Each structure stands twice: as structure tokens, then as C-alpha cells.
Amino acid sequence: MTTVLIASDQALQRACYRMLLAAQPDLTVVGEAATCAETMRRTADLHPDVVLLDIRVPPSDGVESIRRITRPGEQPPGGPGPVPAGARPPRVLILAPTDFDEFALDAVRAGASGFLLKDASLDELTAAIRAVGAGDAVLSPGLTRELIETLRRPRPARSLQRDGRLDLLTEREREVLTAIASGWSTTEIAQRLSIAPTTVKTHIRSILIKIGACARVQAVVFAYETGLVRPR
């Protein structure tokens, strides 16, 4: 069962989301919030698996809220606070209008695991909630292209700063991370590196832990922004 906190600044939208998600046997809405501040408080109280974030706020406020929700241990007093022992921080799935493309990269950097446009269908929305709740990343196709194109734009050498987290990765983990950033699936990585898919998944979990990422999409950003993968 995946628990969901609905965060929207419009009461009618919150009611619609709750009604739609209530019809799904494997999804449970545990609460609602109308502002970023309330979202953080409710997240701390309810510890949902997924925060469905649909709040029209300045991008900077949204990014900070995402960072505090997904990385409570790094925040000063006033954030959601630590998660219970043995639990993981909530995953954030953002619903955004089509003119929010530039917000996607900053949201991913802050820890968002999913970014879905508001014209998505009900099936796409519920599938995204399930995927994010399971620890995967979800991006709308158009936003995926925008993200990859942004990351592939040549950057001045001076803007690529050495990141000590790269030194924590083994040679094999770097190979796997490079493959992830190149768009390979788990099966493709296993075949090309001649290792078992379960071994690939073990490497991916280790990579995410070492670089402090929540999902593959953050690992892709990390690979490009540290220079491990160079734009073609």
C-alpha cells in the first residue's frame, strides 16, 4: 500500500485528487495540505510515501520545500524533522503546468523523484505515484528531453567542480553510473557489463547512497554536473 499526501493550493483540486486516488485499491490518501509550510508540517506528522505536490508558488519556494521534505536530516530547525527509525524520507511527485520546464532541473536537484505535467491522464498519474513510491523516478517525456538537453549543453571547464563523492565510488560503480547517465536500462547494463541484473541493482543502490541521491534521475544529474559523463 502506497500512502499519499495531497498538496495543492486549490481545495477543489485536492478533493478531485482524493476522489480519484480513493478508487485505487493500492493507494491511500493520508492527508492534505494547502501551502508549502503546511505540506512540510503534514509530512512530518504523517510520513507519507509520496507527496503529490501541486502548489502554484514561486519556483524558489517550491525547490526549498522539496529539499526540506526529501532531505530532512540536512535541514535546520523548522523543517520536517527526522523520519522514524527504519523509514525513508517521502518521495515528491510534482504536477506542473507546461510552462514550468525550467523548474524541472532545480526540482530534481532538490530531490524530487517525479515531474508530471498537469495534462497527464489518470492512468499516468496513478502509475507515476506507484513508481515514485517504489523508489523509481518519473519524468514526462517532454521534460525528460528538456532535462537531458540541458545537461548535455557544453559547460565551461571552470564550472565543473571536483566532487569528493566521486572518490567514494568504485570503478565498477562508475561504470554503472556512466551507463545510467547514457540512458541504459538495468537489463542493458547487465548485458553490456556481463553481470547479473541483481548485481546492477545492488550497484545502483550503493551509488545512490554514496552520492546522497533519492533516485536514478538525481544520479544522472550528478554524473553530468561532476564531469563523469561529458556532453557529446
C-alpha atoms as a PDB file:
ATOM      1  CA  MET A   1       0.000   0.000   0.000  1.00  0.00           C
ATOM      2  CA  THR A   2       1.369   3.417  -1.001  1.00  0.00           C
ATOM      3  CA  THR A   3       0.361   6.354   1.195  1.00  0.00           C
ATOM      4  CA  VAL A   4      -0.071   9.781  -0.382  1.00  0.00           C
ATOM      5  CA  LEU A   5      -0.201  13.342   0.916  1.00  0.00           C
ATOM      6  CA  ILE A   6      -2.011  15.688  -1.483  1.00  0.00           C
ATOM      7  CA  ALA A   7      -0.547  19.199  -1.529  1.00  0.00           C
ATOM      8  CA  SER A   8      -2.494  21.723  -3.595  1.00  0.00           C
ATOM      9  CA  ASP A   9      -3.410  25.353  -3.038  1.00  0.00           C
ATOM     10  CA  GLN A  10      -6.849  24.747  -4.558  1.00  0.00           C
ATOM     11  CA  ALA A  11      -9.472  22.966  -2.431  1.00  0.00           C
ATOM     12  CA  LEU A  12     -11.373  21.673  -5.458  1.00  0.00           C
ATOM     13  CA  GLN A  13      -8.265  20.080  -6.915  1.00  0.00           C
ATOM     14  CA  ARG A  14      -7.452  18.439  -3.583  1.00  0.00           C
ATOM     15  CA  ALA A  15     -10.963  16.979  -3.481  1.00  0.00           C
ATOM     16  CA  CYS A  16     -10.655  15.702  -7.052  1.00  0.00           C
ATOM     17  CA  TYR A  17      -7.284  14.097  -6.417  1.00  0.00           C
ATOM     18  CA  ARG A  18      -8.584  12.452  -3.247  1.00  0.00           C
ATOM     19  CA  MET A  19     -11.652  11.074  -5.053  1.00  0.00           C
ATOM     20  CA  LEU A  20      -9.595   9.724  -7.955  1.00  0.00           C
ATOM     21  CA  LEU A  21      -6.938   8.133  -5.766  1.00  0.00           C
ATOM     22  CA  ALA A  22      -9.519   6.648  -3.364  1.00  0.00           C
ATOM     23  CA  ALA A  23     -10.701   4.428  -6.227  1.00  0.00           C
ATOM     24  CA  GLN A  24      -7.270   2.782  -6.399  1.00  0.00           C
ATOM     25  CA  PRO A  25      -7.032  -0.263  -4.085  1.00  0.00           C
ATOM     26  CA  ASP A  26      -3.291   0.108  -3.547  1.00  0.00           C
ATOM     27  CA  LEU A  27      -3.195   3.874  -2.891  1.00  0.00           C
ATOM     28  CA  THR A  28      -4.269   5.583   0.339  1.00  0.00           C
ATOM     29  CA  VAL A  29      -4.585   9.342   0.841  1.00  0.00           C
ATOM     30  CA  VAL A  30      -3.447  10.087   4.398  1.00  0.00           C
ATOM     31  CA  GLY A  31      -3.841  13.858   4.350  1.00  0.00           C
ATOM     32  CA  GLU A  32      -3.961  17.173   2.520  1.00  0.00           C
ATOM     33  CA  ALA A  33      -2.084  20.468   2.617  1.00  0.00           C
ATOM     34  CA  ALA A  34      -2.741  23.861   1.034  1.00  0.00           C
ATOM     35  CA  THR A  35       0.639  25.609   1.376  1.00  0.00           C
ATOM     36  CA  CYS A  36       4.316  24.703   1.294  1.00  0.00           C
ATOM     37  CA  ALA A  37       4.629  25.295   5.046  1.00  0.00           C
ATOM     38  CA  GLU A  38       1.611  23.121   5.766  1.00  0.00           C
ATOM     39  CA  THR A  39       2.966  20.444   3.431  1.00  0.00           C
ATOM     40  CA  MET A  40       6.159  20.237   5.446  1.00  0.00           C
ATOM     41  CA  ARG A  41       4.250  20.066   8.743  1.00  0.00           C
ATOM     42  CA  ARG A  42       1.851  17.407   7.492  1.00  0.00           C
ATOM     43  CA  THR A  43       4.726  15.419   6.042  1.00  0.00           C
ATOM     44  CA  ALA A  44       6.419  15.418   9.449  1.00  0.00           C
ATOM     45  CA  ASP A  45       3.218  14.264  11.151  1.00  0.00           C
ATOM     46  CA  LEU A  46       2.011  11.661   8.641  1.00  0.00           C
ATOM     47  CA  HIS A  47       5.206  10.341   6.991  1.00  0.00           C
ATOM     48  CA  PRO A  48       3.580   9.565   3.613  1.00  0.00           C
ATOM     49  CA  ASP A  49       5.358   7.509   0.991  1.00  0.00           C
ATOM     50  CA  VAL A  50       4.625  10.103  -1.696  1.00  0.00           C
ATOM     51  CA  VAL A  51       3.871  13.827  -1.587  1.00  0.00           C
ATOM     52  CA  LEU A  52       1.803  14.831  -4.623  1.00  0.00           C
ATOM     53  CA  LEU A  53       2.837  18.474  -4.978  1.00  0.00           C
ATOM     54  CA  ASP A  54       0.588  20.804  -6.984  1.00  0.00           C
ATOM     55  CA  ILE A  55       1.088  24.229  -5.482  1.00  0.00           C
ATOM     56  CA  ARG A  56       1.447  27.356  -7.565  1.00  0.00           C
ATOM     57  CA  VAL A  57       4.295  29.102  -5.772  1.00  0.00           C
ATOM     58  CA  PRO A  58       7.485  30.894  -6.838  1.00  0.00           C
ATOM     59  CA  PRO A  59       9.959  28.232  -8.067  1.00  0.00           C
ATOM     60  CA  SER A  60      12.438  29.126  -5.312  1.00  0.00           C
ATOM     61  CA  ASP A  61       9.843  28.365  -2.611  1.00  0.00           C
ATOM     62  CA  GLY A  62       8.899  25.081  -4.261  1.00  0.00           C
ATOM     63  CA  VAL A  63      12.531  23.987  -4.541  1.00  0.00           C
ATOM     64  CA  GLU A  64      13.197  24.752  -0.887  1.00  0.00           C
ATOM     65  CA  SER A  65      10.099  22.812   0.175  1.00  0.00           C
ATOM     66  CA  ILE A  66      11.181  19.800  -1.863  1.00  0.00           C
ATOM     67  CA  ARG A  67      14.656  19.925  -0.352  1.00  0.00           C
ATOM     68  CA  ARG A  68      13.289  20.030   3.199  1.00  0.00           C
ATOM     69  CA  ILE A  69      10.843  17.191   2.577  1.00  0.00           C
ATOM     70  CA  THR A  70      13.254  14.809   0.874  1.00  0.00           C
ATOM     71  CA  ARG A  71      16.337  15.617   2.958  1.00  0.00           C
ATOM     72  CA  PRO A  72      15.072  16.301   6.478  1.00  0.00           C
ATOM     73  CA  GLY A  73      18.346  15.291   8.092  1.00  0.00           C
ATOM     74  CA  GLU A  74      20.198  18.114   6.326  1.00  0.00           C
ATOM     75  CA  GLN A  75      17.799  20.882   7.330  1.00  0.00           C
ATOM     76  CA  PRO A  76      17.965  23.457  10.127  1.00  0.00           C
ATOM     77  CA  PRO A  77      15.210  23.639  12.742  1.00  0.00           C
ATOM     78  CA  GLY A  78      11.840  24.384  11.167  1.00  0.00           C
ATOM     79  CA  GLY A  79      11.954  21.636   8.556  1.00  0.00           C
ATOM     80  CA  PRO A  80      10.001  18.387   8.667  1.00  0.00           C
ATOM     81  CA  GLY A  81      12.462  16.833  11.102  1.00  0.00           C
ATOM     82  CA  PRO A  82      13.951  13.334  11.094  1.00  0.00           C
ATOM     83  CA  VAL A  83      11.981  10.399   9.770  1.00  0.00           C
ATOM     84  CA  PRO A  84      11.186   7.476  12.104  1.00  0.00           C
ATOM     85  CA  ALA A  85      13.859   4.831  12.571  1.00  0.00           C
ATOM     86  CA  GLY A  86      13.918   2.432   9.644  1.00  0.00           C
ATOM     87  CA  ALA A  87      11.766   4.696   7.451  1.00  0.00           C
ATOM     88  CA  ARG A  88      12.870   6.632   4.395  1.00  0.00           C
ATOM     89  CA  PRO A  89      12.073  10.259   3.560  1.00  0.00           C
ATOM     90  CA  PRO A  90       8.960  10.821   1.445  1.00  0.00           C
ATOM     91  CA  ARG A  91       9.247  10.927  -2.328  1.00  0.00           C
ATOM     92  CA  VAL A  92       7.967  14.026  -4.106  1.00  0.00           C
ATOM     93  CA  LEU A  93       5.940  13.848  -7.312  1.00  0.00           C
ATOM     94  CA  ILE A  94       5.335  17.265  -8.841  1.00  0.00           C
ATOM     95  CA  LEU A  95       2.383  18.199 -11.012  1.00  0.00           C
ATOM     96  CA  ALA A  96       3.155  21.283 -13.070  1.00  0.00           C
ATOM     97  CA  PRO A  97       1.830  23.298 -15.998  1.00  0.00           C
ATOM     98  CA  THR A  98       3.628  23.037 -19.326  1.00  0.00           C
ATOM     99  CA  ASP A  99       5.413  26.361 -18.821  1.00  0.00           C
ATOM    100  CA  PHE A 100       7.367  25.043 -15.819  1.00  0.00           C
ATOM    101  CA  ASP A 101      10.099  23.282 -17.831  1.00  0.00           C
ATOM    102  CA  GLU A 102      12.942  25.343 -16.353  1.00  0.00           C
ATOM    103  CA  PHE A 103      11.811  24.364 -12.865  1.00  0.00           C
ATOM    104  CA  ALA A 104      12.310  20.650 -13.553  1.00  0.00           C
ATOM    105  CA  LEU A 105      16.102  20.584 -13.238  1.00  0.00           C
ATOM    106  CA  ASP A 106      16.158  22.572  -9.997  1.00  0.00           C
ATOM    107  CA  ALA A 107      13.397  20.338  -8.606  1.00  0.00           C
ATOM    108  CA  VAL A 108      15.380  17.211  -9.468  1.00  0.00           C
ATOM    109  CA  ARG A 109      18.499  18.673  -7.860  1.00  0.00           C
ATOM    110  CA  ALA A 110      16.469  19.362  -4.715  1.00  0.00           C
ATOM    111  CA  GLY A 111      15.352  15.738  -4.504  1.00  0.00           C
ATOM    112  CA  ALA A 112      12.119  15.396  -6.494  1.00  0.00           C
ATOM    113  CA  SER A 113      11.628  11.879  -7.824  1.00  0.00           C
ATOM    114  CA  GLY A 114       8.910  12.653 -10.347  1.00  0.00           C
ATOM    115  CA  PHE A 115       7.746  15.500 -12.537  1.00  0.00           C
ATOM    116  CA  LEU A 116       4.435  15.124 -14.350  1.00  0.00           C
ATOM    117  CA  LEU A 117       2.599  17.648 -16.484  1.00  0.00           C
ATOM    118  CA  LYS A 118      -0.969  18.525 -15.481  1.00  0.00           C
ATOM    119  CA  ASP A 119      -2.377  17.215 -18.754  1.00  0.00           C
ATOM    120  CA  ALA A 120      -1.406  13.661 -17.735  1.00  0.00           C
ATOM    121  CA  SER A 121      -4.160  11.053 -17.724  1.00  0.00           C
ATOM    122  CA  LEU A 122      -5.434   9.334 -14.590  1.00  0.00           C
ATOM    123  CA  ASP A 123      -3.570   6.156 -15.563  1.00  0.00           C
ATOM    124  CA  GLU A 124      -0.357   8.136 -15.986  1.00  0.00           C
ATOM    125  CA  LEU A 125      -0.850   9.841 -12.623  1.00  0.00           C
ATOM    126  CA  THR A 126      -1.529   6.647 -10.670  1.00  0.00           C
ATOM    127  CA  ALA A 127       1.310   4.823 -12.433  1.00  0.00           C
ATOM    128  CA  ALA A 128       3.662   7.688 -11.548  1.00  0.00           C
ATOM    129  CA  ILE A 129       2.613   7.604  -7.882  1.00  0.00           C
ATOM    130  CA  ARG A 130       3.222   3.864  -7.731  1.00  0.00           C
ATOM    131  CA  ALA A 131       6.603   4.182  -9.450  1.00  0.00           C
ATOM    132  CA  VAL A 132       7.784   7.023  -7.238  1.00  0.00           C
ATOM    133  CA  GLY A 133       6.511   5.220  -4.156  1.00  0.00           C
ATOM    134  CA  ALA A 134       8.541   2.171  -5.168  1.00  0.00           C
ATOM    135  CA  GLY A 135      11.694   4.265  -5.407  1.00  0.00           C
ATOM    136  CA  ASP A 136      11.797   4.860  -9.153  1.00  0.00           C
ATOM    137  CA  ALA A 137      11.922   8.188 -10.974  1.00  0.00           C
ATOM    138  CA  VAL A 138       9.272   9.544 -13.310  1.00  0.00           C
ATOM    139  CA  LEU A 139       9.502  12.385 -15.821  1.00  0.00           C
ATOM    140  CA  SER A 140       7.066  13.304 -18.562  1.00  0.00           C
ATOM    141  CA  PRO A 141       8.633  12.588 -21.990  1.00  0.00           C
ATOM    142  CA  GLY A 142       8.870  16.280 -22.886  1.00  0.00           C
ATOM    143  CA  LEU A 143      10.510  17.101 -19.568  1.00  0.00           C
ATOM    144  CA  THR A 144      12.907  14.181 -19.953  1.00  0.00           C
ATOM    145  CA  ARG A 145      14.092  15.607 -23.250  1.00  0.00           C
ATOM    146  CA  GLU A 146      14.408  19.065 -21.715  1.00  0.00           C
ATOM    147  CA  LEU A 147      16.411  17.700 -18.778  1.00  0.00           C
ATOM    148  CA  ILE A 148      18.812  15.699 -20.944  1.00  0.00           C
ATOM    149  CA  GLU A 149      19.288  18.576 -23.385  1.00  0.00           C
ATOM    150  CA  THR A 150      20.036  20.944 -20.501  1.00  0.00           C
ATOM    151  CA  LEU A 151      22.586  18.546 -19.041  1.00  0.00           C
ATOM    152  CA  ARG A 152      24.223  17.943 -22.411  1.00  0.00           C
ATOM    153  CA  ARG A 153      24.837  21.600 -23.143  1.00  0.00           C
ATOM    154  CA  PRO A 154      28.588  22.234 -23.109  1.00  0.00           C
ATOM    155  CA  ARG A 155      29.714  23.897 -19.909  1.00  0.00           C
ATOM    156  CA  PRO A 156      32.934  25.866 -19.280  1.00  0.00           C
ATOM    157  CA  ALA A 157      35.614  23.683 -17.701  1.00  0.00           C
ATOM    158  CA  ARG A 158      35.794  26.003 -14.702  1.00  0.00           C
ATOM    159  CA  SER A 159      32.124  25.307 -13.906  1.00  0.00           C
ATOM    160  CA  LEU A 160      32.808  21.598 -13.380  1.00  0.00           C
ATOM    161  CA  GLN A 161      33.998  21.390  -9.796  1.00  0.00           C
ATOM    162  CA  ARG A 162      35.615  18.320  -8.308  1.00  0.00           C
ATOM    163  CA  ASP A 163      33.081  16.497  -6.150  1.00  0.00           C
ATOM    164  CA  GLY A 164      34.515  14.333  -3.386  1.00  0.00           C
ATOM    165  CA  ARG A 165      31.591  11.936  -3.689  1.00  0.00           C
ATOM    166  CA  LEU A 166      33.091  10.650  -6.943  1.00  0.00           C
ATOM    167  CA  ASP A 167      36.019   9.282  -4.931  1.00  0.00           C
ATOM    168  CA  LEU A 168      33.599   7.145  -2.899  1.00  0.00           C
ATOM    169  CA  LEU A 169      32.567   5.169  -5.985  1.00  0.00           C
ATOM    170  CA  THR A 170      34.363   2.019  -7.030  1.00  0.00           C
ATOM    171  CA  GLU A 171      35.482   1.581 -10.638  1.00  0.00           C
ATOM    172  CA  ARG A 172      32.521  -0.710 -11.310  1.00  0.00           C
ATOM    173  CA  GLU A 173      30.096   1.774  -9.726  1.00  0.00           C
ATOM    174  CA  ARG A 174      31.440   4.489 -12.004  1.00  0.00           C
ATOM    175  CA  GLU A 175      30.839   2.242 -14.987  1.00  0.00           C
ATOM    176  CA  VAL A 176      27.274   1.621 -13.869  1.00  0.00           C
ATOM    177  CA  LEU A 177      26.667   5.327 -13.187  1.00  0.00           C
ATOM    178  CA  THR A 178      28.017   6.228 -16.621  1.00  0.00           C
ATOM    179  CA  ALA A 179      25.691   3.666 -18.169  1.00  0.00           C
ATOM    180  CA  ILE A 180      22.702   5.082 -16.254  1.00  0.00           C
ATOM    181  CA  ALA A 181      23.527   8.592 -17.457  1.00  0.00           C
ATOM    182  CA  SER A 182      23.737   7.235 -21.005  1.00  0.00           C
ATOM    183  CA  GLY A 183      20.158   6.019 -20.732  1.00  0.00           C
ATOM    184  CA  TRP A 184      20.778   2.277 -20.395  1.00  0.00           C
ATOM    185  CA  SER A 185      18.219   0.132 -18.602  1.00  0.00           C
ATOM    186  CA  THR A 186      19.143  -2.312 -15.842  1.00  0.00           C
ATOM    187  CA  THR A 187      18.946  -5.205 -18.323  1.00  0.00           C
ATOM    188  CA  GLU A 188      21.146  -3.400 -20.856  1.00  0.00           C
ATOM    189  CA  ILE A 189      23.739  -2.565 -18.204  1.00  0.00           C
ATOM    190  CA  ALA A 190      23.811  -6.188 -17.074  1.00  0.00           C
ATOM    191  CA  GLN A 191      24.290  -7.440 -20.637  1.00  0.00           C
ATOM    192  CA  ARG A 192      26.965  -4.922 -21.594  1.00  0.00           C
ATOM    193  CA  LEU A 193      28.957  -5.336 -18.380  1.00  0.00           C
ATOM    194  CA  SER A 194      28.411  -9.115 -18.236  1.00  0.00           C
ATOM    195  CA  ILE A 195      26.939  -9.073 -14.742  1.00  0.00           C
ATOM    196  CA  ALA A 196      23.601 -10.159 -13.293  1.00  0.00           C
ATOM    197  CA  PRO A 197      20.692  -7.676 -13.169  1.00  0.00           C
ATOM    198  CA  THR A 198      20.526  -8.156  -9.390  1.00  0.00           C
ATOM    199  CA  THR A 199      24.177  -7.113  -9.201  1.00  0.00           C
ATOM    200  CA  VAL A 200      23.392  -3.998 -11.227  1.00  0.00           C
ATOM    201  CA  LYS A 201      20.604  -3.115  -8.799  1.00  0.00           C
ATOM    202  CA  THR A 202      22.993  -3.602  -5.868  1.00  0.00           C
ATOM    203  CA  HIS A 203      25.489  -1.244  -7.501  1.00  0.00           C
ATOM    204  CA  ILE A 204      22.760   1.332  -8.151  1.00  0.00           C
ATOM    205  CA  ARG A 205      21.613   1.254  -4.515  1.00  0.00           C
ATOM    206  CA  SER A 206      25.201   1.731  -3.396  1.00  0.00           C
ATOM    207  CA  ILE A 207      25.693   4.634  -5.817  1.00  0.00           C
ATOM    208  CA  LEU A 208      22.567   6.411  -4.639  1.00  0.00           C
ATOM    209  CA  ILE A 209      23.591   6.051  -1.005  1.00  0.00           C
ATOM    210  CA  LYS A 210      27.140   7.301  -1.629  1.00  0.00           C
ATOM    211  CA  ILE A 211      26.111  10.388  -3.608  1.00  0.00           C
ATOM    212  CA  GLY A 212      23.076  11.135  -1.455  1.00  0.00           C
ATOM    213  CA  ALA A 213      20.542  10.717  -4.269  1.00  0.00           C
ATOM    214  CA  CYS A 214      16.940   9.551  -3.976  1.00  0.00           C
ATOM    215  CA  ALA A 215      16.536   8.080  -7.446  1.00  0.00           C
ATOM    216  CA  ARG A 216      18.255   7.445 -10.758  1.00  0.00           C
ATOM    217  CA  VAL A 217      17.312  10.807 -12.161  1.00  0.00           C
ATOM    218  CA  GLN A 218      19.394  12.570  -9.497  1.00  0.00           C
ATOM    219  CA  ALA A 219      22.269  10.214 -10.297  1.00  0.00           C
ATOM    220  CA  VAL A 220      22.072  11.268 -13.955  1.00  0.00           C
ATOM    221  CA  VAL A 221      22.295  14.936 -12.973  1.00  0.00           C
ATOM    222  CA  PHE A 222      25.241  14.144 -10.677  1.00  0.00           C
ATOM    223  CA  ALA A 223      27.084  12.292 -13.461  1.00  0.00           C
ATOM    224  CA  TYR A 224      26.824  15.205 -15.870  1.00  0.00           C
ATOM    225  CA  GLU A 225      27.443  18.011 -13.401  1.00  0.00           C
ATOM    226  CA  THR A 226      30.585  16.422 -11.966  1.00  0.00           C
ATOM    227  CA  GLY A 227      32.007  15.738 -15.432  1.00  0.00           C
ATOM    228  CA  LEU A 228      31.911  11.944 -15.131  1.00  0.00           C
ATOM    229  CA  VAL A 229      29.819  11.985 -18.310  1.00  0.00           C
ATOM    230  CA  ARG A 230      30.662  14.589 -20.910  1.00  0.00           C
ATOM    231  CA  PRO A 231      28.141  16.069 -23.353  1.00  0.00           C
ATOM    232  CA  ARG A 232      28.547  14.702 -26.845  1.00  0.00           C
END
